[in-house]
Protein backbone atom coordinates (compact mmCIF):
# COMPACT_ATOMS: atom_id res chain seq x y z
CA PRO A 1 136.54 72.77 170.16
CA MET A 2 134.61 75.72 168.93
CA GLU A 3 131.61 74.83 171.46
CA THR A 4 134.53 75.99 174.08
CA VAL A 5 135.13 79.02 172.15
CA LEU A 6 131.48 80.02 172.35
CA PHE A 7 130.85 79.60 175.68
CA HIS A 8 133.59 81.23 176.60
CA LEU A 9 131.59 83.99 174.89
CA MET A 10 128.42 84.27 176.03
CA GLU A 11 126.76 83.53 179.55
CA PRO A 12 123.87 81.24 178.47
CA GLU A 13 121.30 84.63 179.22
CA GLU A 14 123.68 86.78 176.63
CA LEU A 15 123.18 83.52 174.28
CA ASN A 16 119.25 83.72 174.87
CA ARG A 17 118.80 87.35 174.20
CA THR A 18 121.17 86.90 171.05
CA PHE A 19 120.15 84.42 169.31
CA THR A 20 115.98 84.05 168.76
CA GLY A 21 114.06 81.70 170.85
CA THR A 22 116.50 80.08 173.82
CA PHE A 23 119.78 78.61 173.39
CA ASP A 24 120.75 74.54 173.75
CA ARG A 25 123.59 73.87 174.30
CA ASN A 26 122.57 70.50 173.32
CA ILE A 27 122.78 71.23 169.41
CA VAL A 28 126.39 72.68 169.49
CA LYS A 29 127.49 69.24 171.57
CA CYS A 30 125.79 66.96 169.16
CA SER A 31 126.77 68.37 166.18
CA PRO A 32 128.21 65.81 163.59
CA TYR A 33 131.88 67.88 162.28
CA ASP A 34 133.87 68.57 164.90
CA LEU A 35 135.17 72.08 164.48
CA TYR A 36 137.66 73.25 165.98
CA VAL A 37 139.66 77.03 166.43
CA LEU A 38 143.12 77.51 165.81
CA GLY A 39 145.00 80.77 167.01
CA SER A 40 147.35 82.09 169.08
CA SER A 41 147.19 82.81 173.11
CA LYS A 42 145.76 87.00 172.40
CA PRO A 43 142.50 87.08 171.02
CA THR A 44 143.30 89.41 167.50
CA HIS A 45 146.40 88.43 164.85
CA GLY A 46 145.87 84.65 165.69
CA ALA A 47 145.37 83.40 161.99
CA ALA A 48 149.23 82.96 161.06
CA VAL A 49 149.63 80.00 163.34
CA GLY A 50 147.61 78.18 160.64
CA MET A 51 151.50 77.94 158.37
CA ASP A 52 152.81 77.05 160.88
CA LEU A 53 154.49 73.34 160.79
CA ASP A 54 155.09 72.80 163.56
CA VAL A 55 151.67 73.84 164.96
CA LEU A 56 149.98 72.03 162.00
CA LYS A 57 151.65 68.57 162.93
CA ALA A 58 150.95 68.92 166.51
CA VAL A 59 147.26 69.56 165.45
CA HIS A 60 147.88 66.36 163.77
CA LYS A 61 149.17 64.32 166.41
CA CYS A 62 146.11 65.49 168.79
CA LEU A 63 143.30 64.96 166.30
CA ASP A 64 145.27 61.79 165.14
CA ASP A 65 142.78 62.62 161.66
CA ASP A 66 144.15 64.85 158.19
CA PHE A 67 142.15 68.27 158.27
CA TYR A 68 140.90 70.73 156.56
CA LEU A 69 142.01 74.42 157.79
CA LEU A 70 139.55 77.36 156.73
CA PRO A 71 141.11 81.17 157.34
CA SER A 72 138.30 81.98 159.36
CA SER A 73 139.58 85.72 159.57
CA ILE A 74 143.29 87.19 160.57
CA HIS A 75 142.18 86.62 163.99
CA GLU A 76 141.78 82.54 163.80
CA THR A 77 141.63 79.53 161.18
CA LEU A 78 138.98 76.88 162.15
CA VAL A 79 139.93 72.31 161.39
CA ILE A 80 137.63 70.10 160.76
CA PRO A 81 139.04 66.84 160.68
CA LYS A 82 139.04 65.40 157.51
CA SER A 83 137.01 62.02 158.82
CA THR A 84 134.00 64.06 160.49
CA TRP A 85 133.40 65.91 157.20
CA ASP A 86 132.11 64.16 154.13
CA HIS A 87 130.24 66.79 152.16
CA GLY A 88 133.73 67.37 150.29
CA VAL A 89 135.87 70.77 149.95
CA GLU A 90 134.04 72.55 147.42
CA ALA A 91 131.05 72.31 150.09
CA LEU A 92 133.82 73.78 152.37
CA ARG A 93 135.07 76.85 150.39
CA LYS A 94 131.12 78.04 149.59
CA MET A 95 131.25 78.39 153.46
CA VAL A 96 133.69 80.24 153.59
CA ARG A 97 132.70 82.74 150.70
CA ASP A 98 129.67 82.89 152.20
CA VAL A 99 130.90 83.64 155.20
CA ASN A 100 133.72 86.52 154.38
CA GLY A 101 130.56 87.87 152.28
CA SER A 102 128.21 88.47 154.98
CA ASP A 103 130.16 88.45 158.43
CA VAL A 104 133.98 88.79 158.23
CA PRO A 105 134.59 92.72 157.97
CA LEU A 106 136.80 93.07 154.12
CA GLN A 107 140.19 94.52 156.37
CA ASP A 108 139.94 91.03 158.60
CA GLN A 109 139.13 88.53 155.35
CA LEU A 110 142.35 86.39 154.13
CA THR A 111 141.19 84.01 151.82
CA ASP A 112 138.37 82.05 150.78
CA SER A 113 140.73 79.47 149.71
CA VAL A 114 140.66 76.25 151.75
CA TYR A 115 143.42 74.14 152.74
CA GLU A 116 144.02 70.40 153.78
CA PHE A 117 146.67 69.17 156.12
CA ASP A 118 147.70 65.67 155.03
CA GLY A 119 149.94 64.75 158.39
CA ASN A 120 153.17 65.93 156.57
CA LYS A 121 152.04 68.74 153.99
CA LEU A 122 149.57 71.70 153.66
CA LYS A 123 148.12 72.34 150.47
CA LEU A 124 145.43 74.02 148.36
CA ALA A 125 142.42 71.91 149.30
CA GLY A 126 141.48 69.78 146.16
CA ALA A 127 144.24 71.30 143.94
CA GLU A 128 147.28 68.68 143.14
CA GLN A 129 150.50 71.21 143.56
CA LYS A 130 151.47 71.29 147.23
CA MET A 131 152.66 74.69 149.09
CA THR A 132 155.81 74.67 151.38
CA VAL A 133 155.17 76.09 154.63
CA GLY A 134 157.30 78.76 155.41
CA THR A 135 158.53 79.29 152.25
CA SER A 136 155.56 81.29 150.44
CA MET A 137 155.01 82.78 153.46
CA GLU A 138 159.38 84.44 152.80
CA GLY A 139 158.41 85.23 148.58
CA HIS A 140 155.58 87.04 150.42
CA ARG A 141 158.24 89.48 153.03
CA HIS A 142 160.74 89.89 150.26
CA ARG A 143 158.10 91.57 147.59
CA ARG A 144 158.07 94.90 150.42
């Protein structure tokens, strides 16, 4: 969960120095939206696990829900269960675009696209055509 990642990254005293005012853990814990960080066991270059069909199926089983994938950076992908998000795909796209435009260094950006996993397949959120995990990555490898 995102709150666990945040709390591991910074001690409460550091959070209070970093953000204005006081930091209240309950603000994060009471969010109506579940937000999870998906990455590798290493702190860098972990976003590729979001393209692994076995990993996606394991996340689906764990959440017991279809979900959206938001490419946060080359280091991780964010996961939002579909049942907890009721603001539409365009709001997610805008969020990704805004964060990429203001907080993610260009060399760490992946895409402004949002993906959804329906328990069996990964597809561009809001798109009719589904992409096949693995096949599209294979195509990129042969372009070099």
